[in-house]
C-alpha atoms as a PDB file:
ATOM      1  CA  MET A   1      -0.767  16.165  10.366  1.00  0.00           C
ATOM      2  CA  VAL A   2      -3.752  17.534   8.442  1.00  0.00           C
ATOM      3  CA  VAL A   3      -2.789  19.402   5.253  1.00  0.00           C
ATOM      4  CA  GLU A   4      -5.858  21.290   4.055  1.00  0.00           C
ATOM      5  CA  ASP A   5      -6.419  24.909   3.036  1.00  0.00           C
ATOM      6  CA  ASP A   6     -10.190  24.959   3.651  1.00  0.00           C
ATOM      7  CA  PRO A   7     -10.710  25.883   7.351  1.00  0.00           C
ATOM      8  CA  ASP A   8     -13.998  23.984   7.690  1.00  0.00           C
ATOM      9  CA  ILE A   9     -12.683  20.776   6.159  1.00  0.00           C
ATOM     10  CA  SER A  10      -9.465  21.099   8.153  1.00  0.00           C
ATOM     11  CA  SER A  11     -11.451  21.411  11.388  1.00  0.00           C
ATOM     12  CA  ALA A  12     -13.538  18.355  10.472  1.00  0.00           C
ATOM     13  CA  LEU A  13     -10.404  16.291   9.761  1.00  0.00           C
ATOM     14  CA  VAL A  14      -8.721  17.432  12.975  1.00  0.00           C
ATOM     15  CA  GLU A  15     -11.816  16.556  15.006  1.00  0.00           C
ATOM     16  CA  THR A  16     -12.091  13.134  13.342  1.00  0.00           C
ATOM     17  CA  LEU A  17      -8.462  12.225  13.973  1.00  0.00           C
ATOM     18  CA  GLU A  18      -8.382  13.583  17.508  1.00  0.00           C
ATOM     19  CA  GLY A  19     -11.415  11.411  18.174  1.00  0.00           C
ATOM     20  CA  ALA A  20      -9.341   8.437  16.998  1.00  0.00           C
ATOM     21  CA  GLY A  21      -6.629   9.233  19.558  1.00  0.00           C
ATOM     22  CA  PHE A  22      -4.147  11.262  17.538  1.00  0.00           C
ATOM     23  CA  ARG A  23      -2.328  14.434  18.528  1.00  0.00           C
ATOM     24  CA  VAL A  24      -3.041  16.533  15.452  1.00  0.00           C
ATOM     25  CA  THR A  25      -1.188  19.440  13.871  1.00  0.00           C
ATOM     26  CA  SER A  26      -2.293  21.202  10.714  1.00  0.00           C
ATOM     27  CA  ALA A  27      -0.844  23.030   7.730  1.00  0.00           C
ATOM     28  CA  ARG A  28      -2.697  25.297   5.304  1.00  0.00           C
ATOM     29  CA  ASP A  29      -0.310  25.244   2.325  1.00  0.00           C
ATOM     30  CA  GLY A  30       2.181  22.934   0.663  1.00  0.00           C
ATOM     31  CA  ARG A  31       5.405  24.617   1.758  1.00  0.00           C
ATOM     32  CA  GLN A  32       4.273  24.790   5.373  1.00  0.00           C
ATOM     33  CA  ALA A  33       3.372  21.090   5.247  1.00  0.00           C
ATOM     34  CA  VAL A  34       6.813  20.041   3.983  1.00  0.00           C
ATOM     35  CA  GLU A  35       8.573  22.183   6.597  1.00  0.00           C
ATOM     36  CA  ALA A  36       6.324  20.936   9.405  1.00  0.00           C
ATOM     37  CA  ALA A  37       6.841  17.298   8.418  1.00  0.00           C
ATOM     38  CA  ALA A  38      10.615  17.797   8.481  1.00  0.00           C
ATOM     39  CA  GLY A  39      10.570  19.561  11.854  1.00  0.00           C
ATOM     40  CA  ASP A  40       8.107  17.259  13.629  1.00  0.00           C
ATOM     41  CA  PRO A  41       7.812  13.998  11.659  1.00  0.00           C
ATOM     42  CA  PRO A  42       4.209  12.751  11.694  1.00  0.00           C
ATOM     43  CA  ASP A  43       2.931   9.184  11.830  1.00  0.00           C
ATOM     44  CA  LEU A  44       0.043  10.028   9.511  1.00  0.00           C
ATOM     45  CA  VAL A  45      -0.626  12.778   6.956  1.00  0.00           C
ATOM     46  CA  THR A  46      -3.996  13.578   5.395  1.00  0.00           C
ATOM     47  CA  LEU A  47      -3.265  15.561   2.273  1.00  0.00           C
ATOM     48  CA  ASP A  48      -5.389  17.689  -0.034  1.00  0.00           C
ATOM     49  CA  LEU A  49      -4.211  17.904  -3.645  1.00  0.00           C
ATOM     50  CA  THR A  50      -5.177  21.503  -4.364  1.00  0.00           C
ATOM     51  CA  LEU A  51      -2.997  23.626  -2.092  1.00  0.00           C
ATOM     52  CA  PRO A  52      -1.437  27.108  -2.220  1.00  0.00           C
ATOM     53  CA  HIS A  53       2.291  27.462  -3.024  1.00  0.00           C
ATOM     54  CA  MET A  54       2.852  23.737  -3.693  1.00  0.00           C
ATOM     55  CA  ASP A  55       0.373  21.133  -4.896  1.00  0.00           C
ATOM     56  CA  GLY A  56      -0.398  17.976  -2.956  1.00  0.00           C
ATOM     57  CA  ILE A  57       1.408  15.658  -5.382  1.00  0.00           C
ATOM     58  CA  GLU A  58       4.687  17.513  -4.868  1.00  0.00           C
ATOM     59  CA  VAL A  59       4.105  17.661  -1.104  1.00  0.00           C
ATOM     60  CA  CYS A  60       3.576  13.889  -1.071  1.00  0.00           C
ATOM     61  CA  ARG A  61       6.728  13.326  -3.100  1.00  0.00           C
ATOM     62  CA  ARG A  62       8.867  15.492  -0.805  1.00  0.00           C
ATOM     63  CA  ILE A  63       7.511  14.009   2.424  1.00  0.00           C
ATOM     64  CA  ARG A  64       8.033  10.504   1.077  1.00  0.00           C
ATOM     65  CA  GLU A  65      11.693  11.253   0.312  1.00  0.00           C
ATOM     66  CA  SER A  66      12.492  11.408   4.029  1.00  0.00           C
ATOM     67  CA  SER A  67       9.579   9.719   5.804  1.00  0.00           C
ATOM     68  CA  ASP A  68       7.735   6.402   5.805  1.00  0.00           C
ATOM     69  CA  CYS A  69       4.670   7.893   7.488  1.00  0.00           C
ATOM     70  CA  TYR A  70       1.212   6.905   6.291  1.00  0.00           C
ATOM     71  CA  ILE A  71      -0.154   9.349   3.707  1.00  0.00           C
ATOM     72  CA  VAL A  72      -3.860   9.489   2.888  1.00  0.00           C
ATOM     73  CA  ILE A  73      -4.929  11.851   0.113  1.00  0.00           C
ATOM     74  CA  VAL A  74      -8.288  13.479   0.894  1.00  0.00           C
ATOM     75  CA  SER A  75      -9.419  15.307  -2.219  1.00  0.00           C
ATOM     76  CA  ALA A  76     -12.436  16.267  -4.318  1.00  0.00           C
ATOM     77  CA  ARG A  77     -10.473  15.483  -7.487  1.00  0.00           C
ATOM     78  CA  SER A  78     -12.016  12.212  -8.610  1.00  0.00           C
ATOM     79  CA  ASP A  79     -10.137  11.683 -11.896  1.00  0.00           C
ATOM     80  CA  GLU A  80      -8.412   8.312 -11.994  1.00  0.00           C
ATOM     81  CA  VAL A  81      -5.160   9.930 -13.115  1.00  0.00           C
ATOM     82  CA  ASP A  82      -5.029  11.933  -9.864  1.00  0.00           C
ATOM     83  CA  LYS A  83      -5.423   8.739  -7.835  1.00  0.00           C
ATOM     84  CA  LEU A  84      -2.790   6.890  -9.840  1.00  0.00           C
ATOM     85  CA  ILE A  85      -0.233   9.702  -9.656  1.00  0.00           C
ATOM     86  CA  GLY A  86      -0.836  10.126  -5.935  1.00  0.00           C
ATOM     87  CA  LEU A  87      -0.285   6.429  -5.284  1.00  0.00           C
ATOM     88  CA  GLU A  88       2.744   6.364  -7.557  1.00  0.00           C
ATOM     89  CA  VAL A  89       4.510   9.136  -5.630  1.00  0.00           C
ATOM     90  CA  GLY A  90       3.964   7.363  -2.323  1.00  0.00           C
ATOM     91  CA  ALA A  91       0.433   7.851  -0.958  1.00  0.00           C
ATOM     92  CA  ASP A  92      -1.062   4.870   0.875  1.00  0.00           C
ATOM     93  CA  ASP A  93      -4.743   5.565   0.238  1.00  0.00           C
ATOM     94  CA  PHE A  94      -7.110   7.996  -1.466  1.00  0.00           C
ATOM     95  CA  VAL A  95     -10.361   9.278   0.071  1.00  0.00           C
ATOM     96  CA  LEU A  96     -12.823  11.372  -1.899  1.00  0.00           C
ATOM     97  CA  LYS A  97     -14.498  14.480  -0.538  1.00  0.00           C
ATOM     98  CA  PRO A  98     -17.009  14.806   0.930  1.00  0.00           C
ATOM     99  CA  PHE A  99     -15.613  12.162   3.256  1.00  0.00           C
ATOM    100  CA  SER A 100     -17.332  10.100   5.927  1.00  0.00           C
ATOM    101  CA  PRO A 101     -15.576  10.477   9.309  1.00  0.00           C
ATOM    102  CA  ARG A 102     -16.401   6.855  10.102  1.00  0.00           C
ATOM    103  CA  GLU A 103     -14.910   5.626   6.818  1.00  0.00           C
ATOM    104  CA  LEU A 104     -11.794   7.761   7.256  1.00  0.00           C
ATOM    105  CA  ARG A 105     -11.224   6.354  10.754  1.00  0.00           C
ATOM    106  CA  ALA A 106     -11.704   2.816   9.406  1.00  0.00           C
ATOM    107  CA  ARG A 107      -9.218   3.370   6.598  1.00  0.00           C
ATOM    108  CA  VAL A 108      -6.644   4.861   8.978  1.00  0.00           C
ATOM    109  CA  ALA A 109      -7.106   1.975  11.400  1.00  0.00           C
ATOM    110  CA  ALA A 110      -6.547  -0.461   8.506  1.00  0.00           C
ATOM    111  CA  LEU A 111      -3.289   1.301   7.628  1.00  0.00           C
ATOM    112  CA  PHE A 112      -2.025   1.105  11.195  1.00  0.00           C
ATOM    113  CA  ARG A 113      -2.659  -2.643  11.323  1.00  0.00           C
ATOM    114  CA  ARG A 114       0.342  -3.012   9.057  1.00  0.00           C
ATOM    115  CA  PRO A 115       3.622  -2.900  10.980  1.00  0.00           C
ATOM    116  CA  ARG A 116       5.832   0.134  10.516  1.00  0.00           C
ATOM    117  CA  SER A 117       9.303  -0.410   9.115  1.00  0.00           C
ATOM    118  CA  ALA A 118      10.827   0.547  12.468  1.00  0.00           C
ATOM    119  CA  GLY A 119       8.847   0.317  15.673  1.00  0.00           C
ATOM    120  CA  THR A 120       9.149   3.013  18.315  1.00  0.00           C
ATOM    121  CA  ALA A 121       7.549   3.876  21.601  1.00  0.00           C
ATOM    122  CA  ASP A 122       5.527   6.548  19.817  1.00  0.00           C
ATOM    123  CA  ASP A 123       4.247   3.914  17.372  1.00  0.00           C
ATOM    124  CA  ALA A 124       3.169   1.728  20.272  1.00  0.00           C
ATOM    125  CA  SER A 125       1.301   4.523  21.990  1.00  0.00           C
ATOM    126  CA  THR A 126      -0.421   5.520  18.744  1.00  0.00           C
ATOM    127  CA  SER A 127      -1.529   1.951  18.055  1.00  0.00           C
ATOM    128  CA  SER A 128      -2.797   1.695  21.614  1.00  0.00           C
ATOM    129  CA  ALA A 129      -4.809   4.874  21.258  1.00  0.00           C
ATOM    130  CA  LEU A 130      -6.371   3.536  18.068  1.00  0.00           C
ATOM    131  CA  HIS A 131      -7.056   0.143  19.657  1.00  0.00           C
ATOM    132  CA  VAL A 132      -5.550  -1.539  16.604  1.00  0.00           C
ATOM    133  CA  PRO A 133      -3.901  -4.918  17.283  1.00  0.00           C
ATOM    134  CA  SER A 134      -0.384  -5.376  15.955  1.00  0.00           C
ATOM    135  CA  PRO A 135      -0.117  -8.289  13.537  1.00  0.00           C
ATOM    136  CA  ALA A 136       1.962 -11.113  14.913  1.00  0.00           C
ATOM    137  CA  GLN A 137       3.797 -13.629  12.782  1.00  0.00           C
ATOM    138  CA  PRO A 138       3.078 -17.280  13.658  1.00  0.00           C
ATOM    139  CA  ALA A 139       5.967 -18.967  15.411  1.00  0.00           C
ATOM    140  CA  ASP A 140       6.187 -21.705  12.774  1.00  0.00           C
ATOM    141  CA  GLU A 141       6.202 -19.307   9.818  1.00  0.00           C
ATOM    142  CA  PRO A 142       9.690 -18.672   8.354  1.00  0.00           C
ATOM    143  CA  SER A 143      10.892 -15.091   8.540  1.00  0.00           C
ATOM    144  CA  THR A 144      12.809 -15.361   5.252  1.00  0.00           C
ATOM    145  CA  ILE A 145      11.304 -16.231   1.884  1.00  0.00           C
ATOM    146  CA  SER A 146      13.488 -17.073  -1.104  1.00  0.00           C
ATOM    147  CA  ALA A 147      11.801 -16.611  -4.476  1.00  0.00           C
ATOM    148  CA  GLY A 148      14.732 -17.678  -6.613  1.00  0.00           C
ATOM    149  CA  ALA A 149      17.017 -15.648  -8.894  1.00  0.00           C
ATOM    150  CA  GLY A 150      18.491 -13.894  -5.835  1.00  0.00           C
ATOM    151  CA  LEU A 151      15.201 -12.471  -4.491  1.00  0.00           C
ATOM    152  CA  VAL A 152      15.019 -12.786  -0.700  1.00  0.00           C
ATOM    153  CA  ILE A 153      12.256 -11.333   1.497  1.00  0.00           C
ATOM    154  CA  ASN A 154      13.018 -10.929   5.201  1.00  0.00           C
ATOM    155  CA  SER A 155       9.662 -10.619   6.973  1.00  0.00           C
ATOM    156  CA  ALA A 156      11.167  -9.911  10.380  1.00  0.00           C
ATOM    157  CA  ARG A 157      13.104  -6.917   9.028  1.00  0.00           C
ATOM    158  CA  ARG A 158      10.581  -6.051   6.291  1.00  0.00           C
ATOM    159  CA  GLU A 159      13.539  -6.003   3.940  1.00  0.00           C
ATOM    160  CA  VAL A 160      13.862  -7.149   0.332  1.00  0.00           C
ATOM    161  CA  GLN A 161      17.135  -7.987  -1.401  1.00  0.00           C
ATOM    162  CA  VAL A 162      18.054  -9.042  -4.923  1.00  0.00           C
ATOM    163  CA  ASP A 163      21.496 -10.601  -5.142  1.00  0.00           C
ATOM    164  CA  GLY A 164      22.369  -8.942  -1.834  1.00  0.00           C
ATOM    165  CA  ALA A 165      21.290  -5.440  -2.873  1.00  0.00           C
ATOM    166  CA  ILE A 166      18.465  -3.891  -0.875  1.00  0.00           C
ATOM    167  CA  VAL A 167      15.380  -2.950  -2.898  1.00  0.00           C
ATOM    168  CA  ASP A 168      13.831   0.294  -1.686  1.00  0.00           C
ATOM    169  CA  LEU A 169      10.068  -0.312  -1.467  1.00  0.00           C
ATOM    170  CA  THR A 170       7.195   1.674   0.002  1.00  0.00           C
ATOM    171  CA  ARG A 171       5.186   0.095   2.792  1.00  0.00           C
ATOM    172  CA  ILE A 172       2.389  -1.099   0.528  1.00  0.00           C
ATOM    173  CA  GLU A 173       4.762  -2.318  -2.195  1.00  0.00           C
ATOM    174  CA  TYR A 174       6.436  -4.476   0.441  1.00  0.00           C
ATOM    175  CA  ASP A 175       3.068  -5.763   1.677  1.00  0.00           C
ATOM    176  CA  VAL A 176       2.039  -6.675  -1.881  1.00  0.00           C
ATOM    177  CA  LEU A 177       5.294  -8.537  -2.482  1.00  0.00           C
ATOM    178  CA  GLU A 178       5.175 -10.365   0.834  1.00  0.00           C
ATOM    179  CA  TYR A 179       1.561 -11.424   0.285  1.00  0.00           C
ATOM    180  CA  LEU A 180       2.324 -12.840  -3.155  1.00  0.00           C
ATOM    181  CA  ALA A 181       5.508 -14.508  -1.880  1.00  0.00           C
ATOM    182  CA  THR A 182       3.677 -16.266   0.933  1.00  0.00           C
ATOM    183  CA  HIS A 183       1.294 -17.664  -1.683  1.00  0.00           C
ATOM    184  CA  LEU A 184       3.885 -18.790  -4.231  1.00  0.00           C
ATOM    185  CA  SER A 185       2.485 -20.465  -7.355  1.00  0.00           C
ATOM    186  CA  ARG A 186      -1.091 -19.646  -6.363  1.00  0.00           C
ATOM    187  CA  VAL A 187      -3.273 -17.122  -8.164  1.00  0.00           C
ATOM    188  CA  CYS A 188      -4.200 -14.256  -5.833  1.00  0.00           C
ATOM    189  CA  THR A 189      -7.273 -12.295  -6.865  1.00  0.00           C
ATOM    190  CA  ARG A 190      -7.365  -8.527  -6.661  1.00  0.00           C
ATOM    191  CA  GLU A 191     -10.280  -8.759  -4.235  1.00  0.00           C
ATOM    192  CA  GLU A 192      -8.429 -10.925  -1.726  1.00  0.00           C
ATOM    193  CA  MET A 193      -5.326  -8.758  -1.987  1.00  0.00           C
ATOM    194  CA  VAL A 194      -7.344  -5.620  -1.231  1.00  0.00           C
ATOM    195  CA  LEU A 195      -8.870  -7.277   1.840  1.00  0.00           C
ATOM    196  CA  ALA A 196      -5.549  -8.711   3.041  1.00  0.00           C
ATOM    197  CA  ILE A 197      -3.334  -5.674   2.432  1.00  0.00           C
ATOM    198  CA  TRP A 198      -5.715  -2.820   3.154  1.00  0.00           C
ATOM    199  CA  SER A 199      -7.489  -4.880   5.868  1.00  0.00           C
ATOM    200  CA  SER A 200     -10.800  -3.323   4.918  1.00  0.00           C
ATOM    201  CA  ALA A 201     -13.696  -3.970   2.559  1.00  0.00           C
ATOM    202  CA  LEU A 202     -14.024  -0.188   2.261  1.00  0.00           C
ATOM    203  CA  THR A 203     -11.317  -0.013  -0.401  1.00  0.00           C
ATOM    204  CA  HIS A 204     -13.196  -1.026  -3.541  1.00  0.00           C
ATOM    205  CA  ASP A 205     -10.817   0.374  -6.163  1.00  0.00           C
ATOM    206  CA  HIS A 206      -8.886  -2.651  -7.388  1.00  0.00           C
ATOM    207  CA  HIS A 207      -6.691  -0.345  -9.503  1.00  0.00           C
ATOM    208  CA  LEU A 208      -4.841   0.220  -6.207  1.00  0.00           C
ATOM    209  CA  VAL A 209      -3.424  -3.282  -6.566  1.00  0.00           C
ATOM    210  CA  ASP A 210      -2.497  -2.805 -10.235  1.00  0.00           C
ATOM    211  CA  VAL A 211      -0.664   0.464  -9.565  1.00  0.00           C
ATOM    212  CA  HIS A 212       1.390  -0.920  -6.689  1.00  0.00           C
ATOM    213  CA  VAL A 213       2.211  -4.139  -8.566  1.00  0.00           C
ATOM    214  CA  ALA A 214       3.405  -2.061 -11.541  1.00  0.00           C
ATOM    215  CA  ASN A 215       5.614   0.066  -9.283  1.00  0.00           C
ATOM    216  CA  LEU A 216       6.915  -3.049  -7.530  1.00  0.00           C
ATOM    217  CA  ARG A 217       7.826  -4.724 -10.819  1.00  0.00           C
ATOM    218  CA  GLY A 218       9.635  -1.594 -11.949  1.00  0.00           C
ATOM    219  CA  LYS A 219      11.782  -1.490  -8.810  1.00  0.00           C
ATOM    220  CA  LEU A 220      12.615  -5.198  -8.994  1.00  0.00           C
ATOM    221  CA  ARG A 221      13.530  -4.791 -12.665  1.00  0.00           C
ATOM    222  CA  ARG A 222      16.203  -2.258 -11.723  1.00  0.00           C
ATOM    223  CA  HIS A 223      18.051  -5.094  -9.978  1.00  0.00           C
ATOM    224  CA  SER A 224      17.283  -8.087 -12.201  1.00  0.00           C
ATOM    225  CA  ASP A 225      15.624  -9.050 -15.465  1.00  0.00           C
ATOM    226  CA  ALA A 226      13.975 -12.017 -13.742  1.00  0.00           C
ATOM    227  CA  THR A 227      10.176 -12.181 -13.807  1.00  0.00           C
ATOM    228  CA  TRP A 228       8.615 -13.280 -10.547  1.00  0.00           C
ATOM    229  CA  ILE A 229       5.148 -11.711 -10.722  1.00  0.00           C
ATOM    230  CA  HIS A 230       2.764 -12.733 -13.486  1.00  0.00           C
ATOM    231  CA  THR A 231      -0.560 -11.155 -14.414  1.00  0.00           C
ATOM    232  CA  ILE A 232      -3.502 -13.549 -14.614  1.00  0.00           C
ATOM    233  CA  ARG A 233      -5.771 -11.617 -16.911  1.00  0.00           C
ATOM    234  CA  GLY A 234      -9.122 -10.679 -15.431  1.00  0.00           C
ATOM    235  CA  ILE A 235      -8.308 -12.322 -12.089  1.00  0.00           C
ATOM    236  CA  GLY A 236      -5.179 -11.055 -10.370  1.00  0.00           C
ATOM    237  CA  TYR A 237      -1.541 -12.046  -9.974  1.00  0.00           C
ATOM    238  CA  ARG A 238       0.614 -15.109  -9.363  1.00  0.00           C
ATOM    239  CA  MET A 239       4.183 -15.116  -8.069  1.00  0.00           C
ATOM    240  CA  ASP A 240       6.428 -17.989  -9.118  1.00  0.00           C
ATOM    241  CA  ARG A 241       9.817 -19.044  -7.860  1.00  0.00           C
ATOM    242  CA  GLU A 242      12.003 -17.898 -10.734  1.00  0.00           C
ATOM    243  CA  GLY A 243      13.469 -20.830 -12.608  1.00  0.00           C
ATOM    244  CA  SER A 244      11.030 -23.388 -11.222  1.00  0.00           C
ATOM    245  CA  GLN A 245       9.497 -25.722 -13.833  1.00  0.00           C
ATOM    246  CA  GLU A 246       6.684 -26.982 -11.605  1.00  0.00           C
ATOM    247  CA  ASP A 247       3.134 -26.847 -12.868  1.00  0.00           C
ATOM    248  CA  ARG A 248       1.350 -23.682 -11.763  1.00  0.00           C
ATOM    249  CA  ARG A 249      -2.094 -24.077 -10.310  1.00  0.00           C
ATOM    250  CA  ALA A 250      -4.829 -21.446 -10.292  1.00  0.00           C
ATOM    251  CA  GLY A 251      -6.005 -20.554  -6.819  1.00  0.00           C
ATOM    252  CA  GLY A 252      -4.397 -23.651  -5.331  1.00  0.00           C
ATOM    253  CA  GLY A 253      -7.242 -25.695  -6.825  1.00  0.00           C
ATOM    254  CA  PRO A 254      -7.195 -28.876  -8.926  1.00  0.00           C
ATOM    255  CA  TYR A 255      -7.093 -27.075 -12.293  1.00  0.00           C
ATOM    256  CA  LEU A 256      -3.945 -26.124 -14.138  1.00  0.00           C
ATOM    257  CA  VAL A 257      -3.731 -22.595 -15.491  1.00  0.00           C
ATOM    258  CA  ALA A 258      -4.732 -22.877 -19.157  1.00  0.00           C
ATOM    259  CA  ARG A 259      -4.235 -20.609 -22.153  1.00  0.00           C
ATOM    260  CA  ILE A 260      -7.699 -19.246 -22.919  1.00  0.00           C
ATOM    261  CA  ASP A 261      -8.542 -17.399 -26.116  1.00  0.00           C
ATOM    262  CA  SER A 262     -10.477 -14.129 -26.273  1.00  0.00           C
ATOM    263  CA  GLU A 263     -13.746 -15.834 -27.255  1.00  0.00           C
ATOM    264  CA  ASP A 264     -13.598 -17.988 -24.139  1.00  0.00           C
ATOM    265  CA  TRP A 265     -13.069 -14.884 -22.018  1.00  0.00           C
ATOM    266  CA  ALA A 266     -16.001 -13.189 -23.751  1.00  0.00           C
ATOM    267  CA  ARG A 267     -18.228 -16.141 -22.901  1.00  0.00           C
ATOM    268  CA  GLY A 268     -17.209 -15.697 -19.268  1.00  0.00           C
ATOM    269  CA  LEU A 269     -15.805 -19.148 -18.597  1.00  0.00           C
ATOM    270  CA  ASP A 270     -15.193 -19.554 -14.881  1.00  0.00           C
ATOM    271  CA  PHE A 271     -12.284 -21.795 -13.851  1.00  0.00           C
END
């Protein structure tokens, strides 16, 4: 579903997505978008922020309350706060206008490489139309990851529990957690996380990672005061098995993570 009040931009988005194999509907204002999404749930929504009757942030929030569809904000509003709020209320990606049709198709294809929380025949036909391969889990890779302190990640069900209680995560929040959990005790850089989770070098804004990690931490904190995810300043994040006393290694390499003072950082020491 394309949600855009400018007829020319709406037509360009419709043409781009139809060319990628989608059946496309459109809405010209916020209220119509929310009603249309409830009546005919979409797999993907492109969403402008400046809309009549209801702004795009509120539309995103309301759609996300009842749907796990992919939401891509397509907007001319380039302020960082707009991006951060959009991602916080549930958007998966943010594309600036004027947009490149080729880049938009690439970003959408990257989103659809991630498995949906519940597969359906419609999902299969959409993926086929986009020619996007479904990620398969290696046969020898465990489907359940225990991170200590009651945190269990079930990859087969894409489900997260803390002490038996299910943690309600967005698609990307789950992907971030699973990626860190499969690399326990190793520092994961923001760059590698962008490439692994968004499956595209086109997403250069590493604040995407920071925003989703912050939201993820907040949701985990509602269930436990344990700290699994640690910030490695200037580099990225490391997830540790809570309660483990093992030495933590940076990047899986031969060097232990060290406490470095601000002068060392200023000199740009590279470990």
